[in-house]
Protein backbone atom coordinates (compact mmCIF):
# COMPACT_ATOMS: atom_id res chain seq x y z
CA UNK A 1 26.13 -35.69 5.94
CA UNK A 2 25.80 -33.59 9.24
CA UNK A 3 26.76 -30.59 7.25
CA UNK A 4 23.98 -31.14 4.61
CA UNK A 5 21.51 -31.85 7.29
CA UNK A 6 22.43 -28.47 9.19
CA UNK A 7 22.18 -26.57 5.84
CA UNK A 8 18.70 -27.97 5.13
CA UNK A 9 17.52 -27.25 8.62
CA UNK A 10 18.90 -23.60 8.37
CA UNK A 11 17.13 -23.26 4.88
CA UNK A 12 13.89 -24.54 6.11
CA UNK A 13 14.14 -22.01 9.01
CA UNK A 14 14.88 -19.22 6.84
CA UNK A 15 12.45 -19.80 4.03
CA UNK A 16 9.41 -18.54 5.84
CA UNK A 17 11.12 -15.34 6.90
CA UNK A 18 12.07 -14.64 3.50
CA UNK A 19 8.51 -15.30 2.36
CA UNK A 20 7.18 -12.80 5.07
CA UNK A 21 9.57 -10.11 4.06
CA UNK A 22 8.58 -10.46 0.53
CA UNK A 23 4.86 -10.31 1.23
CA UNK A 24 5.40 -7.26 3.58
CA UNK A 25 7.31 -5.41 0.89
CA UNK A 26 4.42 -6.05 -1.57
CA UNK A 27 1.96 -4.86 1.02
CA UNK A 28 3.85 -1.61 1.69
CA UNK A 29 3.72 -1.07 -2.01
CA UNK A 30 0.06 -1.93 -1.99
CA UNK A 31 -0.70 0.39 0.75
CA UNK A 32 1.06 3.30 -1.16
CA UNK A 33 -0.77 2.60 -4.36
CA UNK A 34 -4.31 2.38 -2.52
CA UNK A 35 -3.63 5.70 -0.83
CA UNK A 36 -2.66 7.41 -4.06
CA UNK A 37 -5.72 6.08 -5.62
CA UNK A 38 -8.01 7.23 -2.88
CA UNK A 39 -6.30 10.65 -2.87
CA UNK A 40 -6.88 10.84 -6.67
CA UNK A 41 -10.67 10.56 -6.03
CA UNK A 42 -10.76 12.83 -3.08
CA UNK A 43 -9.09 15.75 -4.98
CA UNK A 44 -11.33 15.03 -8.15
CA UNK A 45 -8.66 13.62 -10.44
CA UNK A 46 -10.77 10.35 -10.61
CA UNK A 47 -14.40 9.82 -10.13
CA UNK A 48 -16.03 7.45 -7.55
CA UNK A 49 -15.54 6.81 -3.92
CA UNK A 50 -12.11 7.06 -2.65
CA UNK A 51 -12.31 3.95 -0.32
CA UNK A 52 -13.71 1.83 -3.17
CA UNK A 53 -10.74 3.02 -5.36
CA UNK A 54 -8.35 1.96 -2.59
CA UNK A 55 -10.18 -1.37 -2.06
CA UNK A 56 -9.83 -1.99 -5.91
CA UNK A 57 -6.14 -1.38 -5.93
CA UNK A 58 -5.69 -3.69 -2.55
CA UNK A 59 -7.65 -6.65 -4.40
CA UNK A 60 -5.78 -6.30 -7.49
CA UNK A 61 -2.60 -6.73 -5.53
CA UNK A 62 -4.04 -9.76 -3.49
CA UNK A 63 -4.57 -7.78 -0.32
CA UNK A 64 -7.46 -6.45 1.52
CA UNK A 65 -8.33 -2.81 2.44
CA UNK A 66 -8.58 -2.89 6.36
CA UNK A 67 -9.17 0.62 6.92
CA UNK A 68 -9.71 3.75 5.06
CA UNK A 69 -9.99 7.43 6.23
CA UNK A 70 -10.55 10.43 4.07
CA UNK A 71 -10.09 13.78 5.53
CA UNK A 72 -10.52 16.57 2.78
CA UNK A 73 -7.91 15.75 0.04
CA UNK A 74 -5.83 13.37 2.30
CA UNK A 75 -6.41 9.47 2.38
CA UNK A 76 -5.03 7.12 4.83
CA UNK A 77 -5.40 3.44 4.20
CA UNK A 78 -4.52 0.29 6.06
CA UNK A 79 -3.93 -2.77 3.90
CA UNK A 80 -3.50 -6.53 4.99
CA UNK A 81 -2.63 -9.65 3.37
CA UNK A 82 -1.82 -13.27 4.87
CA UNK A 83 1.31 -15.21 4.63
CA UNK A 84 1.99 -18.55 6.22
CA UNK A 85 -0.67 -17.73 8.74
CA UNK A 86 0.57 -14.38 9.61
CA UNK A 87 -1.34 -11.26 8.84
CA UNK A 88 1.04 -8.40 7.39
CA UNK A 89 -0.31 -4.97 7.24
CA UNK A 90 0.98 -1.44 6.23
CA UNK A 91 -0.41 1.96 6.50
CA UNK A 92 0.03 4.86 3.95
CA UNK A 93 -1.14 8.38 3.60
CA UNK A 94 -1.38 10.33 0.40
CA UNK A 95 -2.83 13.77 -0.67
CA UNK A 96 -2.23 17.25 -1.72
CA UNK A 97 0.90 18.66 -0.01
CA UNK A 98 0.23 20.96 2.96
CA UNK A 99 -0.37 24.47 1.93
CA UNK A 100 -0.99 23.79 -1.88
CA UNK A 101 -4.29 25.16 -2.95
CA UNK A 102 -6.60 23.39 -5.41
CA UNK A 103 -5.68 26.37 -7.93
CA UNK A 104 -2.03 25.09 -7.96
CA UNK A 105 -2.53 21.40 -7.87
CA UNK A 106 -1.17 19.78 -10.88
CA UNK A 107 0.58 22.81 -12.19
CA UNK A 108 4.13 21.91 -13.64
CA UNK A 109 5.50 25.39 -14.23
CA UNK A 110 5.86 27.41 -17.25
CA UNK A 111 5.00 31.00 -18.09
CA UNK A 112 1.66 30.48 -19.92
């Protein structure tokens, strides 16, 4: 009986950690996607406001856009979500690679 009680106590202690880890992984992915959406708008691939695009992605993934900074074609966002009373946040940056001009953006190669 003591073994069962110990297993239950251990399980009850580990379950919140697993929940926080799971949400933190989701928030990292959401930050990446939000930064990519903002960068797409910043470079002209999509229309609209870069930070509004990032916020839309964050909300669609049950998170909040906590910060958004656009510098030229680069967007940096911070996304947060709550789990079990904890705030989990992640930051991501996306944009055109350094040194790549607008003329070469999106080019996949070829001779023509």
